[in-house]
Amino acid sequence: MQQNIGLIERTLRIALGTGLLTITYLIETKMRWFGLIGLVPLITGLLGLCPTYLALGIRVLDKPK
């Protein structure tokens, strides 16, 4: 499959996903498992492919110079 996420958005998704996953280790309540939501932006950022964008036909790649 072809990538549909640009470099800036990929970087932000990876940072957000890593931050949310960190919550699972820092918080010691039952709510800490909500940090696993961070897997979604982390995986989409690493792959450069967002299934939601694909379904909607959105493509946010950097323009070639």
PDB file of N, CA and C in Angstrom:
ATOM      1  N   MET A   1       0.833  -1.175   0.000  1.00  0.00           N
ATOM      2  CA  MET A   1       0.000   0.000   0.000  1.00  0.00           C
ATOM      3  C   MET A   1       0.883   1.245   0.000  1.00  0.00           C
ATOM      4  N   GLN A   2       0.372   2.288  -0.572  1.00  0.00           N
ATOM      5  CA  GLN A   2       1.127   3.528  -0.706  1.00  0.00           C
ATOM      6  C   GLN A   2       0.912   4.423   0.524  1.00  0.00           C
ATOM      7  N   GLN A   3       1.959   5.094   0.959  1.00  0.00           N
ATOM      8  CA  GLN A   3       1.863   5.975   2.116  1.00  0.00           C
ATOM      9  C   GLN A   3       0.971   7.172   1.806  1.00  0.00           C
ATOM     10  N   ASN A   4       0.248   7.632   2.826  1.00  0.00           N
ATOM     11  CA  ASN A   4      -0.618   8.787   2.624  1.00  0.00           C
ATOM     12  C   ASN A   4      -0.469   9.827   3.739  1.00  0.00           C
ATOM     13  N   ILE A   5       0.622   9.750   4.512  1.00  0.00           N
ATOM     14  CA  ILE A   5       0.881  10.697   5.591  1.00  0.00           C
ATOM     15  C   ILE A   5       2.257  11.323   5.371  1.00  0.00           C
ATOM     16  N   GLY A   6       2.326  12.639   5.508  1.00  0.00           N
ATOM     17  CA  GLY A   6       3.581  13.354   5.320  1.00  0.00           C
ATOM     18  C   GLY A   6       4.518  13.229   6.515  1.00  0.00           C
ATOM     19  N   LEU A   7       5.723  13.707   6.355  1.00  0.00           N
ATOM     20  CA  LEU A   7       6.772  13.580   7.364  1.00  0.00           C
ATOM     21  C   LEU A   7       6.421  14.282   8.673  1.00  0.00           C
ATOM     22  N   ILE A   8       5.879  15.483   8.593  1.00  0.00           N
ATOM     23  CA  ILE A   8       5.546  16.231   9.810  1.00  0.00           C
ATOM     24  C   ILE A   8       4.458  15.505  10.594  1.00  0.00           C
ATOM     25  N   GLU A   9       3.420  15.065   9.915  1.00  0.00           N
ATOM     26  CA  GLU A   9       2.337  14.356  10.598  1.00  0.00           C
ATOM     27  C   GLU A   9       2.820  13.019  11.151  1.00  0.00           C
ATOM     28  N   ARG A  10       3.683  12.347  10.430  1.00  0.00           N
ATOM     29  CA  ARG A  10       4.242  11.080  10.931  1.00  0.00           C
ATOM     30  C   ARG A  10       5.003  11.313  12.229  1.00  0.00           C
ATOM     31  N   THR A  11       5.814  12.369  12.257  1.00  0.00           N
ATOM     32  CA  THR A  11       6.595  12.690  13.444  1.00  0.00           C
ATOM     33  C   THR A  11       5.677  13.001  14.627  1.00  0.00           C
ATOM     34  N   LEU A  12       4.630  13.777  14.388  1.00  0.00           N
ATOM     35  CA  LEU A  12       3.687  14.108  15.453  1.00  0.00           C
ATOM     36  C   LEU A  12       2.948  12.870  15.956  1.00  0.00           C
ATOM     37  N   ARG A  13       2.559  11.988  15.052  1.00  0.00           N
ATOM     38  CA  ARG A  13       1.870  10.759  15.459  1.00  0.00           C
ATOM     39  C   ARG A  13       2.772   9.852  16.291  1.00  0.00           C
ATOM     40  N   ILE A  14       4.027   9.752  15.900  1.00  0.00           N
ATOM     41  CA  ILE A  14       4.967   8.919  16.653  1.00  0.00           C
ATOM     42  C   ILE A  14       5.173   9.504  18.048  1.00  0.00           C
ATOM     43  N   ALA A  15       5.321  10.819  18.144  1.00  0.00           N
ATOM     44  CA  ALA A  15       5.503  11.472  19.443  1.00  0.00           C
ATOM     45  C   ALA A  15       4.262  11.302  20.319  1.00  0.00           C
ATOM     46  N   LEU A  16       3.082  11.493  19.753  1.00  0.00           N
ATOM     47  CA  LEU A  16       1.835  11.340  20.493  1.00  0.00           C
ATOM     48  C   LEU A  16       1.655   9.902  20.967  1.00  0.00           C
ATOM     49  N   GLY A  17       1.896   8.956  20.074  1.00  0.00           N
ATOM     50  CA  GLY A  17       1.758   7.550  20.435  1.00  0.00           C
ATOM     51  C   GLY A  17       2.713   7.140  21.533  1.00  0.00           C
ATOM     52  N   THR A  18       3.949   7.605  21.451  1.00  0.00           N
ATOM     53  CA  THR A  18       4.935   7.296  22.482  1.00  0.00           C
ATOM     54  C   THR A  18       4.528   7.913  23.815  1.00  0.00           C
ATOM     55  N   GLY A  19       4.027   9.136  23.771  1.00  0.00           N
ATOM     56  CA  GLY A  19       3.570   9.804  24.992  1.00  0.00           C
ATOM     57  C   GLY A  19       2.409   9.077  25.650  1.00  0.00           C
ATOM     58  N   LEU A  20       1.448   8.653  24.848  1.00  0.00           N
ATOM     59  CA  LEU A  20       0.298   7.935  25.399  1.00  0.00           C
ATOM     60  C   LEU A  20       0.696   6.577  25.956  1.00  0.00           C
ATOM     61  N   LEU A  21       1.620   5.910  25.307  1.00  0.00           N
ATOM     62  CA  LEU A  21       2.081   4.622  25.819  1.00  0.00           C
ATOM     63  C   LEU A  21       2.840   4.780  27.131  1.00  0.00           C
ATOM     64  N   THR A  22       3.492   5.908  27.304  1.00  0.00           N
ATOM     65  CA  THR A  22       4.205   6.177  28.546  1.00  0.00           C
ATOM     66  C   THR A  22       3.235   6.251  29.725  1.00  0.00           C
ATOM     67  N   ILE A  23       2.019   6.708  29.459  1.00  0.00           N
ATOM     68  CA  ILE A  23       1.004   6.805  30.506  1.00  0.00           C
ATOM     69  C   ILE A  23       0.750   5.446  31.158  1.00  0.00           C
ATOM     70  N   THR A  24       0.802   4.383  30.390  1.00  0.00           N
ATOM     71  CA  THR A  24       0.530   3.055  30.950  1.00  0.00           C
ATOM     72  C   THR A  24       1.540   2.679  32.028  1.00  0.00           C
ATOM     73  N   TYR A  25       2.718   3.256  31.984  1.00  0.00           N
ATOM     74  CA  TYR A  25       3.747   2.958  32.977  1.00  0.00           C
ATOM     75  C   TYR A  25       3.770   3.960  34.127  1.00  0.00           C
ATOM     76  N   LEU A  26       3.291   5.168  33.903  1.00  0.00           N
ATOM     77  CA  LEU A  26       3.357   6.202  34.925  1.00  0.00           C
ATOM     78  C   LEU A  26       2.158   6.204  35.867  1.00  0.00           C
ATOM     79  N   ILE A  27       0.984   5.850  35.366  1.00  0.00           N
ATOM     80  CA  ILE A  27      -0.228   5.881  36.170  1.00  0.00           C
ATOM     81  C   ILE A  27      -0.498   4.487  36.724  1.00  0.00           C
ATOM     82  N   GLU A  28      -0.847   4.422  37.998  1.00  0.00           N
ATOM     83  CA  GLU A  28      -1.070   3.122  38.626  1.00  0.00           C
ATOM     84  C   GLU A  28      -2.531   2.905  39.008  1.00  0.00           C
ATOM     85  N   THR A  29      -3.447   3.335  38.169  1.00  0.00           N
ATOM     86  CA  THR A  29      -4.868   3.097  38.410  1.00  0.00           C
ATOM     87  C   THR A  29      -5.412   2.217  37.292  1.00  0.00           C
ATOM     88  N   LYS A  30      -6.692   1.903  37.380  1.00  0.00           N
ATOM     89  CA  LYS A  30      -7.323   1.097  36.336  1.00  0.00           C
ATOM     90  C   LYS A  30      -7.386   1.841  34.996  1.00  0.00           C
ATOM     91  N   MET A  31      -7.315   3.158  35.051  1.00  0.00           N
ATOM     92  CA  MET A  31      -7.412   3.977  33.837  1.00  0.00           C
ATOM     93  C   MET A  31      -6.141   3.942  33.004  1.00  0.00           C
ATOM     94  N   ARG A  32      -5.069   3.377  33.523  1.00  0.00           N
ATOM     95  CA  ARG A  32      -3.792   3.403  32.797  1.00  0.00           C
ATOM     96  C   ARG A  32      -3.847   2.661  31.467  1.00  0.00           C
ATOM     97  N   TRP A  33      -4.732   1.729  31.320  1.00  0.00           N
ATOM     98  CA  TRP A  33      -4.808   0.948  30.078  1.00  0.00           C
ATOM     99  C   TRP A  33      -5.331   1.774  28.912  1.00  0.00           C
ATOM    100  N   PHE A  34      -5.889   2.943  29.211  1.00  0.00           N
ATOM    101  CA  PHE A  34      -6.284   3.837  28.124  1.00  0.00           C
ATOM    102  C   PHE A  34      -5.066   4.355  27.368  1.00  0.00           C
ATOM    103  N   GLY A  35      -3.902   4.257  27.970  1.00  0.00           N
ATOM    104  CA  GLY A  35      -2.669   4.645  27.297  1.00  0.00           C
ATOM    105  C   GLY A  35      -2.362   3.770  26.096  1.00  0.00           C
ATOM    106  N   LEU A  36      -2.963   2.569  26.059  1.00  0.00           N
ATOM    107  CA  LEU A  36      -2.754   1.677  24.917  1.00  0.00           C
ATOM    108  C   LEU A  36      -3.354   2.236  23.634  1.00  0.00           C
ATOM    109  N   ILE A  37      -4.196   3.247  23.766  1.00  0.00           N
ATOM    110  CA  ILE A  37      -4.722   3.937  22.587  1.00  0.00           C
ATOM    111  C   ILE A  37      -3.560   4.514  21.783  1.00  0.00           C
ATOM    112  N   GLY A  38      -2.434   4.753  22.444  1.00  0.00           N
ATOM    113  CA  GLY A  38      -1.249   5.288  21.789  1.00  0.00           C
ATOM    114  C   GLY A  38      -0.674   4.374  20.720  1.00  0.00           C
ATOM    115  N   LEU A  39      -1.069   3.106  20.729  1.00  0.00           N
ATOM    116  CA  LEU A  39      -0.594   2.189  19.694  1.00  0.00           C
ATOM    117  C   LEU A  39      -1.080   2.603  18.307  1.00  0.00           C
ATOM    118  N   VAL A  40      -2.276   3.163  18.240  1.00  0.00           N
ATOM    119  CA  VAL A  40      -2.843   3.541  16.940  1.00  0.00           C
ATOM    120  C   VAL A  40      -2.015   4.634  16.260  1.00  0.00           C
ATOM    121  N   PRO A  41      -1.788   5.792  16.920  1.00  0.00           N
ATOM    122  CA  PRO A  41      -0.971   6.796  16.232  1.00  0.00           C
ATOM    123  C   PRO A  41       0.476   6.355  16.032  1.00  0.00           C
ATOM    124  N   LEU A  42       1.002   5.549  16.949  1.00  0.00           N
ATOM    125  CA  LEU A  42       2.381   5.085  16.802  1.00  0.00           C
ATOM    126  C   LEU A  42       2.532   4.201  15.570  1.00  0.00           C
ATOM    127  N   ILE A  43       1.638   3.249  15.404  1.00  0.00           N
ATOM    128  CA  ILE A  43       1.719   2.334  14.251  1.00  0.00           C
ATOM    129  C   ILE A  43       1.456   3.066  12.944  1.00  0.00           C
ATOM    130  N   THR A  44       0.446   3.928  12.918  1.00  0.00           N
ATOM    131  CA  THR A  44       0.174   4.658  11.674  1.00  0.00           C
ATOM    132  C   THR A  44       1.325   5.603  11.336  1.00  0.00           C
ATOM    133  N   GLY A  45       1.956   6.175  12.362  1.00  0.00           N
ATOM    134  CA  GLY A  45       3.105   7.053  12.119  1.00  0.00           C
ATOM    135  C   GLY A  45       4.304   6.291  11.590  1.00  0.00           C
ATOM    136  N   LEU A  46       4.564   5.118  12.147  1.00  0.00           N
ATOM    137  CA  LEU A  46       5.696   4.320  11.691  1.00  0.00           C
ATOM    138  C   LEU A  46       5.492   3.790  10.271  1.00  0.00           C
ATOM    139  N   LEU A  47       4.258   3.415   9.957  1.00  0.00           N
ATOM    140  CA  LEU A  47       3.975   2.886   8.626  1.00  0.00           C
ATOM    141  C   LEU A  47       3.770   3.983   7.583  1.00  0.00           C
ATOM    142  N   GLY A  48       3.370   5.172   8.042  1.00  0.00           N
ATOM    143  CA  GLY A  48       3.088   6.254   7.102  1.00  0.00           C
ATOM    144  C   GLY A  48       1.777   6.050   6.371  1.00  0.00           C
ATOM    145  N   LEU A  49       0.915   5.244   6.943  1.00  0.00           N
ATOM    146  CA  LEU A  49      -0.350   4.897   6.301  1.00  0.00           C
ATOM    147  C   LEU A  49      -1.473   4.997   7.321  1.00  0.00           C
ATOM    148  N   CYS A  50      -2.491   5.791   7.027  1.00  0.00           N
ATOM    149  CA  CYS A  50      -3.646   5.929   7.898  1.00  0.00           C
ATOM    150  C   CYS A  50      -4.855   5.314   7.199  1.00  0.00           C
ATOM    151  N   PRO A  51      -5.436   4.253   7.757  1.00  0.00           N
ATOM    152  CA  PRO A  51      -6.591   3.612   7.122  1.00  0.00           C
ATOM    153  C   PRO A  51      -7.796   4.544   6.993  1.00  0.00           C
ATOM    154  N   THR A  52      -7.964   5.447   7.944  1.00  0.00           N
ATOM    155  CA  THR A  52      -9.084   6.393   7.866  1.00  0.00           C
ATOM    156  C   THR A  52      -8.902   7.332   6.687  1.00  0.00           C
ATOM    157  N   TYR A  53      -7.690   7.846   6.520  1.00  0.00           N
ATOM    158  CA  TYR A  53      -7.410   8.697   5.369  1.00  0.00           C
ATOM    159  C   TYR A  53      -7.620   7.928   4.064  1.00  0.00           C
ATOM    160  N   LEU A  54      -7.220   6.674   4.062  1.00  0.00           N
ATOM    161  CA  LEU A  54      -7.368   5.841   2.873  1.00  0.00           C
ATOM    162  C   LEU A  54      -8.837   5.693   2.498  1.00  0.00           C
ATOM    163  N   ALA A  55      -9.693   5.446   3.500  1.00  0.00           N
ATOM    164  CA  ALA A  55     -11.125   5.276   3.252  1.00  0.00           C
ATOM    165  C   ALA A  55     -11.772   6.572   2.766  1.00  0.00           C
ATOM    166  N   LEU A  56     -11.275   7.705   3.257  1.00  0.00           N
ATOM    167  CA  LEU A  56     -11.848   8.991   2.866  1.00  0.00           C
ATOM    168  C   LEU A  56     -11.193   9.594   1.628  1.00  0.00           C
ATOM    169  N   GLY A  57     -10.144   8.967   1.147  1.00  0.00           N
ATOM    170  CA  GLY A  57      -9.456   9.456  -0.043  1.00  0.00           C
ATOM    171  C   GLY A  57      -8.553  10.655   0.226  1.00  0.00           C
ATOM    172  N   ILE A  58      -8.153  10.833   1.480  1.00  0.00           N
ATOM    173  CA  ILE A  58      -7.291  11.955   1.853  1.00  0.00           C
ATOM    174  C   ILE A  58      -5.835  11.527   1.714  1.00  0.00           C
ATOM    175  N   ARG A  59      -5.031  12.441   1.202  1.00  0.00           N
ATOM    176  CA  ARG A  59      -3.605  12.166   1.048  1.00  0.00           C
ATOM    177  C   ARG A  59      -2.844  13.412   1.466  1.00  0.00           C
ATOM    178  N   VAL A  60      -2.075  13.317   2.547  1.00  0.00           N
ATOM    179  CA  VAL A  60      -1.410  14.469   3.124  1.00  0.00           C
ATOM    180  C   VAL A  60       0.101  14.293   3.038  1.00  0.00           C
ATOM    181  N   LEU A  61       0.590  14.068   1.863  1.00  0.00           N
ATOM    182  CA  LEU A  61       2.040  13.910   1.656  1.00  0.00           C
ATOM    183  C   LEU A  61       2.670  15.267   1.390  1.00  0.00           C
ATOM    184  N   ASP A  62       3.939  15.389   1.735  1.00  0.00           N
ATOM    185  CA  ASP A  62       4.681  16.603   1.449  1.00  0.00           C
ATOM    186  C   ASP A  62       4.789  16.784  -0.070  1.00  0.00           C
ATOM    187  N   LYS A  63       4.690  18.011  -0.508  1.00  0.00           N
ATOM    188  CA  LYS A  63       4.802  18.307  -1.928  1.00  0.00           C
ATOM    189  C   LYS A  63       6.272  18.233  -2.353  1.00  0.00           C
ATOM    190  N   PRO A  64       6.561  17.647  -3.493  1.00  0.00           N
ATOM    191  CA  PRO A  64       7.960  17.609  -3.950  1.00  0.00           C
ATOM    192  C   PRO A  64       8.463  19.011  -4.282  1.00  0.00           C
ATOM    193  N   LYS A  65       9.736  19.237  -4.019  1.00  0.00           N
ATOM    194  CA  LYS A  65      10.316  20.571  -4.254  1.00  0.00           C
ATOM    195  C   LYS A  65      10.860  20.677  -5.639  1.00  0.00           C
TER     196      LYS A  65
END
